Structure formats: structure tokens, C-alpha cells
């Protein structure tokens, strides 16, 4: 299990998130922390998780501006 803090990338976190997702092995769990404003990044990140062959285990608001996604690679 690895945790990735992508908050410093603001709304441009998706390319880095995809890069990380494509480098994991089957069965590995990844935790991503990113900043949200209008919640559209939440759906986009969930779609990206699915597109990369991961199962979304958890998605929750961490505090006033941050979001956390936990996912596991299935294929």
C-alpha cells in the first residue's frame, strides 16, 4: 500500500495519477490525496481508476478542500 499526495498539482493531478496507476502490480493498493473545488475531479478520478483496471475501495472528503481515493489494482 502506497500513499500519494497530489495536492500540490491542484486541478492538474490526473496525468500524474494515471502515471502512478499504470506502474502498479496486480493486487497493490494505492491511496491518493488531491485537492477538489467543485467536485468534478472526484468523478474524473473515479473514471480514471476504472479505466486503469482498478477497483475503487473508498472515496471520501478528507477535510474542507482535500479528497482521498483508495483503490486496488485488479488487472
N, C-alpha and C. Protein backbone atom coordinates (compact mmCIF):
# COMPACT_ATOMS: atom_id res chain seq x y z
N UNK A 1 0.85 -1.17 0.00
CA UNK A 1 0.00 0.00 0.00
C UNK A 1 0.89 1.24 0.00
N UNK A 2 0.60 2.13 -0.94
CA UNK A 2 1.36 3.37 -1.01
C UNK A 2 0.40 4.55 -1.05
N UNK A 3 0.85 5.64 -0.45
CA UNK A 3 0.06 6.88 -0.40
C UNK A 3 0.75 7.92 -1.27
N UNK A 4 -0.05 8.60 -2.09
CA UNK A 4 0.46 9.63 -2.99
C UNK A 4 -0.27 10.94 -2.73
N UNK A 5 0.48 11.96 -2.38
CA UNK A 5 -0.08 13.28 -2.13
C UNK A 5 0.05 14.11 -3.41
N UNK A 6 -1.07 14.34 -4.08
CA UNK A 6 -1.09 15.08 -5.34
C UNK A 6 -1.68 16.48 -5.17
N UNK A 7 -1.83 16.92 -3.92
CA UNK A 7 -2.45 18.23 -3.67
C UNK A 7 -1.67 19.38 -4.29
N UNK A 8 -0.37 19.27 -4.36
CA UNK A 8 0.46 20.35 -4.92
C UNK A 8 0.19 20.56 -6.41
N UNK A 9 -0.43 19.58 -7.07
CA UNK A 9 -0.72 19.68 -8.51
C UNK A 9 -2.05 20.39 -8.78
N UNK A 10 -2.78 20.71 -7.70
CA UNK A 10 -4.08 21.38 -7.79
C UNK A 10 -5.02 20.59 -8.71
N UNK A 11 -5.62 21.21 -9.71
CA UNK A 11 -6.58 20.56 -10.60
C UNK A 11 -5.91 19.77 -11.73
N UNK A 12 -4.60 19.78 -11.79
CA UNK A 12 -3.85 19.11 -12.86
C UNK A 12 -3.22 17.80 -12.38
N UNK A 13 -3.87 17.10 -11.48
CA UNK A 13 -3.30 15.90 -10.88
C UNK A 13 -3.50 14.64 -11.72
N UNK A 14 -4.44 14.63 -12.66
CA UNK A 14 -4.79 13.41 -13.38
C UNK A 14 -3.64 12.78 -14.18
N UNK A 15 -2.84 13.52 -14.92
CA UNK A 15 -1.73 12.86 -15.63
C UNK A 15 -0.78 12.12 -14.68
N UNK A 16 -0.46 12.73 -13.55
CA UNK A 16 0.43 12.07 -12.58
C UNK A 16 -0.26 10.86 -11.95
N UNK A 17 -1.54 10.98 -11.67
CA UNK A 17 -2.28 9.87 -11.10
C UNK A 17 -2.30 8.69 -12.07
N UNK A 18 -2.52 8.95 -13.35
CA UNK A 18 -2.54 7.89 -14.36
C UNK A 18 -1.16 7.24 -14.47
N UNK A 19 -0.13 8.04 -14.42
CA UNK A 19 1.24 7.51 -14.47
C UNK A 19 1.48 6.54 -13.31
N UNK A 20 1.04 6.91 -12.15
CA UNK A 20 1.20 6.06 -10.96
C UNK A 20 0.37 4.79 -11.09
N UNK A 21 -0.87 4.93 -11.51
CA UNK A 21 -1.76 3.78 -11.63
C UNK A 21 -1.24 2.75 -12.61
N UNK A 22 -0.66 3.19 -13.69
CA UNK A 22 -0.18 2.24 -14.71
C UNK A 22 1.12 1.56 -14.30
N UNK A 23 1.74 2.00 -13.22
CA UNK A 23 3.01 1.40 -12.79
C UNK A 23 2.85 0.36 -11.68
N UNK A 24 1.67 0.21 -11.13
CA UNK A 24 1.45 -0.73 -10.02
C UNK A 24 1.25 -2.15 -10.51
N UNK A 25 1.50 -3.10 -9.62
CA UNK A 25 1.29 -4.52 -9.91
C UNK A 25 -0.11 -4.92 -9.45
N UNK A 26 -0.61 -6.03 -10.00
CA UNK A 26 -1.92 -6.56 -9.61
C UNK A 26 -1.93 -6.84 -8.11
N UNK A 27 -3.00 -6.43 -7.47
CA UNK A 27 -3.17 -6.64 -6.03
C UNK A 27 -2.68 -5.50 -5.16
N UNK A 28 -1.94 -4.57 -5.72
CA UNK A 28 -1.43 -3.43 -4.94
C UNK A 28 -2.53 -2.41 -4.68
N UNK A 29 -2.45 -1.78 -3.52
CA UNK A 29 -3.41 -0.75 -3.13
C UNK A 29 -2.71 0.61 -3.17
N UNK A 30 -3.42 1.60 -3.71
CA UNK A 30 -2.89 2.96 -3.79
C UNK A 30 -3.87 3.91 -3.12
N UNK A 31 -3.33 4.87 -2.39
CA UNK A 31 -4.14 5.91 -1.74
C UNK A 31 -3.71 7.24 -2.34
N UNK A 32 -4.67 7.97 -2.88
CA UNK A 32 -4.39 9.27 -3.49
C UNK A 32 -5.08 10.36 -2.71
N UNK A 33 -4.34 11.44 -2.49
CA UNK A 33 -4.88 12.62 -1.84
C UNK A 33 -4.75 13.77 -2.83
N UNK A 34 -5.87 14.41 -3.15
CA UNK A 34 -5.84 15.53 -4.09
C UNK A 34 -6.83 16.60 -3.66
N UNK A 35 -6.65 17.78 -4.22
CA UNK A 35 -7.48 18.93 -3.88
C UNK A 35 -8.69 19.00 -4.81
N UNK A 36 -9.86 19.28 -4.24
CA UNK A 36 -11.06 19.45 -5.05
C UNK A 36 -11.66 20.82 -4.80
N UNK A 37 -12.34 21.31 -5.79
CA UNK A 37 -13.04 22.58 -5.65
C UNK A 37 -14.52 22.36 -5.86
N UNK A 38 -14.89 22.03 -7.09
CA UNK A 38 -16.30 21.87 -7.46
C UNK A 38 -16.73 20.40 -7.60
N UNK A 39 -15.94 19.49 -7.15
CA UNK A 39 -16.23 18.05 -7.13
C UNK A 39 -16.13 17.36 -8.49
N UNK A 40 -15.92 18.07 -9.59
CA UNK A 40 -15.73 17.38 -10.87
C UNK A 40 -14.47 16.51 -10.87
N UNK A 41 -13.40 16.89 -10.17
CA UNK A 41 -12.23 16.00 -10.13
C UNK A 41 -12.53 14.65 -9.46
N UNK A 42 -13.52 14.60 -8.61
CA UNK A 42 -13.86 13.35 -7.93
C UNK A 42 -14.36 12.34 -8.96
N UNK A 43 -15.29 12.73 -9.80
CA UNK A 43 -15.81 11.82 -10.81
C UNK A 43 -14.74 11.47 -11.83
N UNK A 44 -13.96 12.45 -12.25
CA UNK A 44 -12.89 12.18 -13.22
C UNK A 44 -11.88 11.19 -12.66
N UNK A 45 -11.54 11.32 -11.39
CA UNK A 45 -10.57 10.40 -10.79
C UNK A 45 -11.18 9.00 -10.67
N UNK A 46 -12.45 8.90 -10.33
CA UNK A 46 -13.11 7.60 -10.25
C UNK A 46 -13.14 6.93 -11.62
N UNK A 47 -13.40 7.70 -12.66
CA UNK A 47 -13.38 7.17 -14.03
C UNK A 47 -11.98 6.69 -14.41
N UNK A 48 -10.97 7.44 -14.02
CA UNK A 48 -9.58 7.08 -14.31
C UNK A 48 -9.19 5.79 -13.60
N UNK A 49 -9.62 5.64 -12.37
CA UNK A 49 -9.35 4.43 -11.60
C UNK A 49 -9.91 3.22 -12.34
N UNK A 50 -11.15 3.32 -12.79
CA UNK A 50 -11.80 2.22 -13.51
C UNK A 50 -11.09 1.95 -14.84
N UNK A 51 -10.75 3.01 -15.56
CA UNK A 51 -10.09 2.89 -16.86
C UNK A 51 -8.74 2.16 -16.74
N UNK A 52 -8.06 2.34 -15.62
CA UNK A 52 -6.74 1.73 -15.43
C UNK A 52 -6.81 0.33 -14.82
N UNK A 53 -8.01 -0.22 -14.67
CA UNK A 53 -8.17 -1.58 -14.18
C UNK A 53 -8.12 -1.74 -12.67
N UNK A 54 -8.49 -0.69 -11.96
CA UNK A 54 -8.50 -0.71 -10.50
C UNK A 54 -9.93 -0.80 -9.99
N UNK A 55 -10.07 -1.29 -8.77
CA UNK A 55 -11.34 -1.27 -8.06
C UNK A 55 -11.29 -0.11 -7.07
N UNK A 56 -12.31 0.72 -7.09
CA UNK A 56 -12.39 1.83 -6.16
C UNK A 56 -12.88 1.30 -4.82
N UNK A 57 -12.03 1.36 -3.80
CA UNK A 57 -12.37 0.84 -2.49
C UNK A 57 -13.01 1.90 -1.59
N UNK A 58 -12.57 3.15 -1.74
CA UNK A 58 -13.08 4.20 -0.89
C UNK A 58 -12.84 5.55 -1.55
N UNK A 59 -13.76 6.46 -1.35
CA UNK A 59 -13.64 7.82 -1.88
C UNK A 59 -14.33 8.73 -0.88
N UNK A 60 -13.55 9.61 -0.25
CA UNK A 60 -14.15 10.45 0.78
C UNK A 60 -13.46 11.79 0.90
N UNK A 61 -14.22 12.72 1.42
CA UNK A 61 -13.71 14.06 1.67
C UNK A 61 -12.82 13.99 2.90
N UNK A 62 -11.59 14.47 2.77
CA UNK A 62 -10.61 14.40 3.84
C UNK A 62 -10.74 15.58 4.80
N UNK A 63 -10.93 16.75 4.25
CA UNK A 63 -11.15 17.97 5.03
C UNK A 63 -11.90 18.96 4.13
N UNK A 64 -11.78 20.23 4.36
CA UNK A 64 -12.55 21.21 3.58
C UNK A 64 -12.23 21.22 2.09
N UNK A 65 -11.00 20.93 1.70
CA UNK A 65 -10.62 21.04 0.29
C UNK A 65 -9.97 19.79 -0.28
N UNK A 66 -9.69 18.80 0.52
CA UNK A 66 -8.96 17.63 0.04
C UNK A 66 -9.85 16.39 -0.05
N UNK A 67 -9.50 15.53 -1.00
CA UNK A 67 -10.25 14.30 -1.23
C UNK A 67 -9.27 13.14 -1.21
N UNK A 68 -9.73 11.99 -0.72
CA UNK A 68 -8.92 10.79 -0.67
C UNK A 68 -9.61 9.67 -1.43
N UNK A 69 -8.83 8.98 -2.27
CA UNK A 69 -9.33 7.82 -3.00
C UNK A 69 -8.42 6.65 -2.69
N UNK A 70 -9.02 5.52 -2.37
CA UNK A 70 -8.28 4.27 -2.13
C UNK A 70 -8.71 3.29 -3.20
N UNK A 71 -7.73 2.70 -3.90
CA UNK A 71 -8.08 1.77 -4.97
C UNK A 71 -7.08 0.61 -5.01
N UNK A 72 -7.53 -0.49 -5.60
CA UNK A 72 -6.72 -1.71 -5.68
C UNK A 72 -6.69 -2.19 -7.12
N UNK A 73 -5.49 -2.55 -7.60
CA UNK A 73 -5.34 -2.99 -8.98
C UNK A 73 -5.83 -4.42 -9.11
N UNK A 74 -6.77 -4.64 -10.04
CA UNK A 74 -7.33 -5.97 -10.26
C UNK A 74 -6.78 -6.64 -11.50
N UNK A 75 -6.39 -5.87 -12.50
CA UNK A 75 -5.91 -6.48 -13.74
C UNK A 75 -4.78 -5.69 -14.34
